[in-house]
Amino acid sequence: LNSDDPAYFGGYLNANIRAVQAAFGFDAATWYRLARNSFEASFATDEEKAGWIARLDAYFAGAGMITDSRP
């Protein structure tokens, strides 16, 4: 998911996420996997990826949403 030129098209990321959730009803494991994939596929360094994934893990754990789908 992304927001391609939100000022021009009006597609802000939070609105896109809400629309996807309304259409598909993703569970926490799916949202986690989408977020993790975005970091893993990025051009960030391995160190940066590890840091962002650690933050993602902390967020999902803190919200009680870590699932068995996590690697």
PDB file of N, CA and C in Angstrom:
ATOM      1  N   LEU A   1       0.840  -1.179   0.000  1.00  0.00           N
ATOM      2  CA  LEU A   1       0.000   0.000   0.000  1.00  0.00           C
ATOM      3  C   LEU A   1       0.880   1.235   0.000  1.00  0.00           C
ATOM      4  N   ASN A   2       0.436   2.243  -0.707  1.00  0.00           N
ATOM      5  CA  ASN A   2       1.137   3.517  -0.667  1.00  0.00           C
ATOM      6  C   ASN A   2       0.167   4.626  -1.027  1.00  0.00           C
ATOM      7  N   SER A   3       0.648   5.824  -0.943  1.00  0.00           N
ATOM      8  CA  SER A   3      -0.171   6.976  -1.312  1.00  0.00           C
ATOM      9  C   SER A   3       0.553   7.715  -2.429  1.00  0.00           C
ATOM     10  N   ASP A   4       0.166   7.448  -3.643  1.00  0.00           N
ATOM     11  CA  ASP A   4       0.796   8.038  -4.810  1.00  0.00           C
ATOM     12  C   ASP A   4       0.254   9.446  -5.028  1.00  0.00           C
ATOM     13  N   ASP A   5       1.070  10.435  -4.724  1.00  0.00           N
ATOM     14  CA  ASP A   5       0.731  11.848  -4.928  1.00  0.00           C
ATOM     15  C   ASP A   5      -0.581  12.234  -4.232  1.00  0.00           C
ATOM     16  N   PRO A   6      -0.635  12.086  -2.897  1.00  0.00           N
ATOM     17  CA  PRO A   6      -1.890  12.313  -2.170  1.00  0.00           C
ATOM     18  C   PRO A   6      -2.469  13.717  -2.332  1.00  0.00           C
ATOM     19  N   ALA A   7      -1.628  14.720  -2.468  1.00  0.00           N
ATOM     20  CA  ALA A   7      -2.161  16.078  -2.620  1.00  0.00           C
ATOM     21  C   ALA A   7      -2.924  16.224  -3.934  1.00  0.00           C
ATOM     22  N   TYR A   8      -2.520  15.487  -4.944  1.00  0.00           N
ATOM     23  CA  TYR A   8      -3.165  15.576  -6.254  1.00  0.00           C
ATOM     24  C   TYR A   8      -4.376  14.657  -6.354  1.00  0.00           C
ATOM     25  N   PHE A   9      -4.235  13.422  -5.890  1.00  0.00           N
ATOM     26  CA  PHE A   9      -5.299  12.433  -6.029  1.00  0.00           C
ATOM     27  C   PHE A   9      -6.172  12.286  -4.785  1.00  0.00           C
ATOM     28  N   GLY A  10      -5.715  12.823  -3.659  1.00  0.00           N
ATOM     29  CA  GLY A  10      -6.486  12.706  -2.431  1.00  0.00           C
ATOM     30  C   GLY A  10      -6.375  11.340  -1.768  1.00  0.00           C
ATOM     31  N   GLY A  11      -5.413  10.534  -2.178  1.00  0.00           N
ATOM     32  CA  GLY A  11      -5.269   9.191  -1.628  1.00  0.00           C
ATOM     33  C   GLY A  11      -4.210   9.136  -0.544  1.00  0.00           C
ATOM     34  N   TYR A  12      -4.545   9.599   0.634  1.00  0.00           N
ATOM     35  CA  TYR A  12      -3.592   9.567   1.738  1.00  0.00           C
ATOM     36  C   TYR A  12      -3.490   8.151   2.289  1.00  0.00           C
ATOM     37  N   LEU A  13      -2.331   7.813   2.831  1.00  0.00           N
ATOM     38  CA  LEU A  13      -2.065   6.444   3.264  1.00  0.00           C
ATOM     39  C   LEU A  13      -3.102   5.931   4.256  1.00  0.00           C
ATOM     40  N   ASN A  14      -3.453   6.743   5.256  1.00  0.00           N
ATOM     41  CA  ASN A  14      -4.426   6.259   6.242  1.00  0.00           C
ATOM     42  C   ASN A  14      -5.777   5.966   5.594  1.00  0.00           C
ATOM     43  N   ALA A  15      -6.174   6.765   4.608  1.00  0.00           N
ATOM     44  CA  ALA A  15      -7.436   6.517   3.904  1.00  0.00           C
ATOM     45  C   ALA A  15      -7.342   5.232   3.079  1.00  0.00           C
ATOM     46  N   ASN A  16      -6.192   5.003   2.458  1.00  0.00           N
ATOM     47  CA  ASN A  16      -6.002   3.772   1.685  1.00  0.00           C
ATOM     48  C   ASN A  16      -6.053   2.542   2.586  1.00  0.00           C
ATOM     49  N   ILE A  17      -5.437   2.632   3.748  1.00  0.00           N
ATOM     50  CA  ILE A  17      -5.458   1.512   4.692  1.00  0.00           C
ATOM     51  C   ILE A  17      -6.884   1.237   5.159  1.00  0.00           C
ATOM     52  N   ARG A  18      -7.630   2.282   5.479  1.00  0.00           N
ATOM     53  CA  ARG A  18      -9.026   2.090   5.900  1.00  0.00           C
ATOM     54  C   ARG A  18      -9.857   1.455   4.782  1.00  0.00           C
ATOM     55  N   ALA A  19      -9.627   1.872   3.542  1.00  0.00           N
ATOM     56  CA  ALA A  19     -10.378   1.310   2.416  1.00  0.00           C
ATOM     57  C   ALA A  19     -10.054  -0.170   2.224  1.00  0.00           C
ATOM     58  N   VAL A  20      -8.793  -0.525   2.330  1.00  0.00           N
ATOM     59  CA  VAL A  20      -8.396  -1.932   2.202  1.00  0.00           C
ATOM     60  C   VAL A  20      -9.006  -2.752   3.336  1.00  0.00           C
ATOM     61  N   GLN A  21      -8.971  -2.218   4.550  1.00  0.00           N
ATOM     62  CA  GLN A  21      -9.553  -2.938   5.684  1.00  0.00           C
ATOM     63  C   GLN A  21     -11.049  -3.141   5.490  1.00  0.00           C
ATOM     64  N   ALA A  22     -11.740  -2.107   5.015  1.00  0.00           N
ATOM     65  CA  ALA A  22     -13.184  -2.216   4.790  1.00  0.00           C
ATOM     66  C   ALA A  22     -13.495  -3.240   3.693  1.00  0.00           C
ATOM     67  N   ALA A  23     -12.672  -3.289   2.668  1.00  0.00           N
ATOM     68  CA  ALA A  23     -12.929  -4.188   1.545  1.00  0.00           C
ATOM     69  C   ALA A  23     -12.551  -5.636   1.837  1.00  0.00           C
ATOM     70  N   PHE A  24     -11.455  -5.845   2.568  1.00  0.00           N
ATOM     71  CA  PHE A  24     -10.930  -7.195   2.722  1.00  0.00           C
ATOM     72  C   PHE A  24     -10.942  -7.735   4.145  1.00  0.00           C
ATOM     73  N   GLY A  25     -11.082  -6.871   5.155  1.00  0.00           N
ATOM     74  CA  GLY A  25     -11.145  -7.329   6.540  1.00  0.00           C
ATOM     75  C   GLY A  25      -9.908  -8.068   7.011  1.00  0.00           C
ATOM     76  N   PHE A  26      -8.729  -7.565   6.638  1.00  0.00           N
ATOM     77  CA  PHE A  26      -7.482  -8.226   7.031  1.00  0.00           C
ATOM     78  C   PHE A  26      -7.371  -8.352   8.542  1.00  0.00           C
ATOM     79  N   ASP A  27      -6.762  -9.461   8.983  1.00  0.00           N
ATOM     80  CA  ASP A  27      -6.490  -9.633  10.407  1.00  0.00           C
ATOM     81  C   ASP A  27      -5.117  -9.046  10.729  1.00  0.00           C
ATOM     82  N   ALA A  28      -4.767  -9.062  12.008  1.00  0.00           N
ATOM     83  CA  ALA A  28      -3.498  -8.472  12.451  1.00  0.00           C
ATOM     84  C   ALA A  28      -2.306  -9.151  11.792  1.00  0.00           C
ATOM     85  N   ALA A  29      -2.382 -10.458  11.582  1.00  0.00           N
ATOM     86  CA  ALA A  29      -1.271 -11.183  10.966  1.00  0.00           C
ATOM     87  C   ALA A  29      -1.014 -10.700   9.543  1.00  0.00           C
ATOM     88  N   THR A  30      -2.068 -10.404   8.816  1.00  0.00           N
ATOM     89  CA  THR A  30      -1.914  -9.924   7.442  1.00  0.00           C
ATOM     90  C   THR A  30      -1.321  -8.526   7.423  1.00  0.00           C
ATOM     91  N   TRP A  31      -1.796  -7.652   8.300  1.00  0.00           N
ATOM     92  CA  TRP A  31      -1.230  -6.294   8.370  1.00  0.00           C
ATOM     93  C   TRP A  31       0.231  -6.341   8.788  1.00  0.00           C
ATOM     94  N   TYR A  32       0.550  -7.234   9.710  1.00  0.00           N
ATOM     95  CA  TYR A  32       1.941  -7.395  10.132  1.00  0.00           C
ATOM     96  C   TYR A  32       2.799  -7.829   8.945  1.00  0.00           C
ATOM     97  N   ARG A  33       2.339  -8.831   8.217  1.00  0.00           N
ATOM     98  CA  ARG A  33       3.102  -9.356   7.086  1.00  0.00           C
ATOM     99  C   ARG A  33       3.289  -8.282   6.013  1.00  0.00           C
ATOM    100  N   LEU A  34       2.250  -7.515   5.711  1.00  0.00           N
ATOM    101  CA  LEU A  34       2.379  -6.435   4.724  1.00  0.00           C
ATOM    102  C   LEU A  34       3.424  -5.411   5.164  1.00  0.00           C
ATOM    103  N   ALA A  35       3.368  -5.030   6.431  1.00  0.00           N
ATOM    104  CA  ALA A  35       4.324  -4.046   6.941  1.00  0.00           C
ATOM    105  C   ALA A  35       5.735  -4.607   6.929  1.00  0.00           C
ATOM    106  N   ARG A  36       5.892  -5.836   7.376  1.00  0.00           N
ATOM    107  CA  ARG A  36       7.227  -6.450   7.410  1.00  0.00           C
ATOM    108  C   ARG A  36       7.792  -6.601   5.999  1.00  0.00           C
ATOM    109  N   ASN A  37       6.945  -7.034   5.072  1.00  0.00           N
ATOM    110  CA  ASN A  37       7.392  -7.169   3.686  1.00  0.00           C
ATOM    111  C   ASN A  37       7.903  -5.844   3.138  1.00  0.00           C
ATOM    112  N   SER A  38       7.253  -4.752   3.515  1.00  0.00           N
ATOM    113  CA  SER A  38       7.676  -3.448   2.997  1.00  0.00           C
ATOM    114  C   SER A  38       9.088  -3.113   3.447  1.00  0.00           C
ATOM    115  N   PHE A  39       9.423  -3.480   4.668  1.00  0.00           N
ATOM    116  CA  PHE A  39      10.786  -3.234   5.145  1.00  0.00           C
ATOM    117  C   PHE A  39      11.772  -4.197   4.493  1.00  0.00           C
ATOM    118  N   GLU A  40      11.400  -5.464   4.405  1.00  0.00           N
ATOM    119  CA  GLU A  40      12.302  -6.459   3.832  1.00  0.00           C
ATOM    120  C   GLU A  40      12.608  -6.177   2.361  1.00  0.00           C
ATOM    121  N   ALA A  41      11.648  -5.635   1.622  1.00  0.00           N
ATOM    122  CA  ALA A  41      11.829  -5.371   0.193  1.00  0.00           C
ATOM    123  C   ALA A  41      12.418  -3.990  -0.093  1.00  0.00           C
ATOM    124  N   SER A  42      12.624  -3.212   0.935  1.00  0.00           N
ATOM    125  CA  SER A  42      13.120  -1.845   0.738  1.00  0.00           C
ATOM    126  C   SER A  42      14.602  -1.835   0.397  1.00  0.00           C
ATOM    127  N   PHE A  43      15.077  -0.670  -0.008  1.00  0.00           N
ATOM    128  CA  PHE A  43      16.495  -0.484  -0.303  1.00  0.00           C
ATOM    129  C   PHE A  43      17.277  -0.047   0.930  1.00  0.00           C
ATOM    130  N   ALA A  44      16.667  -0.128   2.096  1.00  0.00           N
ATOM    131  CA  ALA A  44      17.364   0.217   3.339  1.00  0.00           C
ATOM    132  C   ALA A  44      18.484  -0.787   3.590  1.00  0.00           C
ATOM    133  N   THR A  45      19.451  -0.368   4.385  1.00  0.00           N
ATOM    134  CA  THR A  45      20.529  -1.292   4.750  1.00  0.00           C
ATOM    135  C   THR A  45      19.960  -2.383   5.655  1.00  0.00           C
ATOM    136  N   ASP A  46      20.692  -3.475   5.778  1.00  0.00           N
ATOM    137  CA  ASP A  46      20.250  -4.555   6.667  1.00  0.00           C
ATOM    138  C   ASP A  46      20.078  -4.046   8.094  1.00  0.00           C
ATOM    139  N   GLU A  47      20.975  -3.172   8.513  1.00  0.00           N
ATOM    140  CA  GLU A  47      20.885  -2.600   9.864  1.00  0.00           C
ATOM    141  C   GLU A  47      19.619  -1.756  10.018  1.00  0.00           C
ATOM    142  N   GLU A  48      19.314  -0.937   9.021  1.00  0.00           N
ATOM    143  CA  GLU A  48      18.092  -0.126   9.078  1.00  0.00           C
ATOM    144  C   GLU A  48      16.849  -1.014   9.067  1.00  0.00           C
ATOM    145  N   LYS A  49      16.851  -2.030   8.222  1.00  0.00           N
ATOM    146  CA  LYS A  49      15.713  -2.953   8.168  1.00  0.00           C
ATOM    147  C   LYS A  49      15.487  -3.608   9.523  1.00  0.00           C
ATOM    148  N   ALA A  50      16.568  -4.070  10.138  1.00  0.00           N
ATOM    149  CA  ALA A  50      16.452  -4.724  11.446  1.00  0.00           C
ATOM    150  C   ALA A  50      15.859  -3.773  12.473  1.00  0.00           C
ATOM    151  N   GLY A  51      16.268  -2.517  12.439  1.00  0.00           N
ATOM    152  CA  GLY A  51      15.735  -1.531  13.374  1.00  0.00           C
ATOM    153  C   GLY A  51      14.251  -1.282  13.168  1.00  0.00           C
ATOM    154  N   TRP A  52      13.842  -1.131  11.904  1.00  0.00           N
ATOM    155  CA  TRP A  52      12.423  -0.892  11.619  1.00  0.00           C
ATOM    156  C   TRP A  52      11.578  -2.115  11.954  1.00  0.00           C
ATOM    157  N   ILE A  53      12.092  -3.302  11.670  1.00  0.00           N
ATOM    158  CA  ILE A  53      11.345  -4.525  11.991  1.00  0.00           C
ATOM    159  C   ILE A  53      11.238  -4.700  13.502  1.00  0.00           C
ATOM    160  N   ALA A  54      12.270  -4.331  14.241  1.00  0.00           N
ATOM    161  CA  ALA A  54      12.199  -4.386  15.706  1.00  0.00           C
ATOM    162  C   ALA A  54      11.123  -3.438  16.220  1.00  0.00           C
ATOM    163  N   ARG A  55      11.020  -2.257  15.629  1.00  0.00           N
ATOM    164  CA  ARG A  55       9.957  -1.314  16.032  1.00  0.00           C
ATOM    165  C   ARG A  55       8.582  -1.878  15.692  1.00  0.00           C
ATOM    166  N   LEU A  56       8.474  -2.492  14.525  1.00  0.00           N
ATOM    167  CA  LEU A  56       7.213  -3.108  14.121  1.00  0.00           C
ATOM    168  C   LEU A  56       6.818  -4.202  15.108  1.00  0.00           C
ATOM    169  N   ASP A  57       7.780  -5.069  15.453  1.00  0.00           N
ATOM    170  CA  ASP A  57       7.519  -6.131  16.428  1.00  0.00           C
ATOM    171  C   ASP A  57       7.070  -5.552  17.765  1.00  0.00           C
ATOM    172  N   ALA A  58       7.747  -4.502  18.212  1.00  0.00           N
ATOM    173  CA  ALA A  58       7.403  -3.880  19.497  1.00  0.00           C
ATOM    174  C   ALA A  58       5.998  -3.300  19.453  1.00  0.00           C
ATOM    175  N   TYR A  59       5.641  -2.664  18.346  1.00  0.00           N
ATOM    176  CA  TYR A  59       4.300  -2.087  18.221  1.00  0.00           C
ATOM    177  C   TYR A  59       3.240  -3.181  18.286  1.00  0.00           C
ATOM    178  N   PHE A  60       3.398  -4.220  17.478  1.00  0.00           N
ATOM    179  CA  PHE A  60       2.397  -5.284  17.458  1.00  0.00           C
ATOM    180  C   PHE A  60       2.341  -6.020  18.791  1.00  0.00           C
ATOM    181  N   ALA A  61       3.483  -6.237  19.416  1.00  0.00           N
ATOM    182  CA  ALA A  61       3.502  -6.897  20.729  1.00  0.00           C
ATOM    183  C   ALA A  61       2.826  -6.024  21.774  1.00  0.00           C
ATOM    184  N   GLY A  62       3.120  -4.735  21.766  1.00  0.00           N
ATOM    185  CA  GLY A  62       2.534  -3.811  22.732  1.00  0.00           C
ATOM    186  C   GLY A  62       1.032  -3.684  22.585  1.00  0.00           C
ATOM    187  N   ALA A  63       0.551  -3.872  21.362  1.00  0.00           N
ATOM    188  CA  ALA A  63      -0.886  -3.798  21.110  1.00  0.00           C
ATOM    189  C   ALA A  63      -1.556  -5.161  21.249  1.00  0.00           C
ATOM    190  N   GLY A  64      -0.772  -6.170  21.642  1.00  0.00           N
ATOM    191  CA  GLY A  64      -1.331  -7.512  21.806  1.00  0.00           C
ATOM    192  C   GLY A  64      -1.699  -8.178  20.499  1.00  0.00           C
ATOM    193  N   MET A  65      -1.019  -7.804  19.409  1.00  0.00           N
ATOM    194  CA  MET A  65      -1.399  -8.310  18.091  1.00  0.00           C
ATOM    195  C   MET A  65      -0.365  -9.215  17.438  1.00  0.00           C
ATOM    196  N   ILE A  66       0.700  -9.594  18.142  1.00  0.00           N
ATOM    197  CA  ILE A  66       1.663 -10.508  17.532  1.00  0.00           C
ATOM    198  C   ILE A  66       0.979 -11.852  17.336  1.00  0.00           C
ATOM    199  N   THR A  67       1.195 -12.428  16.180  1.00  0.00           N
ATOM    200  CA  THR A  67       0.524 -13.680  15.835  1.00  0.00           C
ATOM    201  C   THR A  67       1.549 -14.750  15.502  1.00  0.00           C
ATOM    202  N   ASP A  68       1.070 -15.962  15.322  1.00  0.00           N
ATOM    203  CA  ASP A  68       1.949 -17.084  14.989  1.00  0.00           C
ATOM    204  C   ASP A  68       2.527 -16.984  13.587  1.00  0.00           C
ATOM    205  N   SER A  69       2.014 -16.069  12.754  1.00  0.00           N
ATOM    206  CA  SER A  69       2.520 -15.951  11.387  1.00  0.00           C
ATOM    207  C   SER A  69       3.858 -15.234  11.339  1.00  0.00           C
ATOM    208  N   ARG A  70       4.260 -14.656  12.451  1.00  0.00           N
ATOM    209  CA  ARG A  70       5.533 -13.936  12.489  1.00  0.00           C
ATOM    210  C   ARG A  70       6.682 -14.925  12.354  1.00  0.00           C
ATOM    211  N   PRO A  71       7.663 -14.605  11.490  1.00  0.00           N
ATOM    212  CA  PRO A  71       8.796 -15.537  11.349  1.00  0.00           C
ATOM    213  C   PRO A  71       9.649 -15.592  12.597  1.00  0.00           C
TER     214      PRO A  71
END
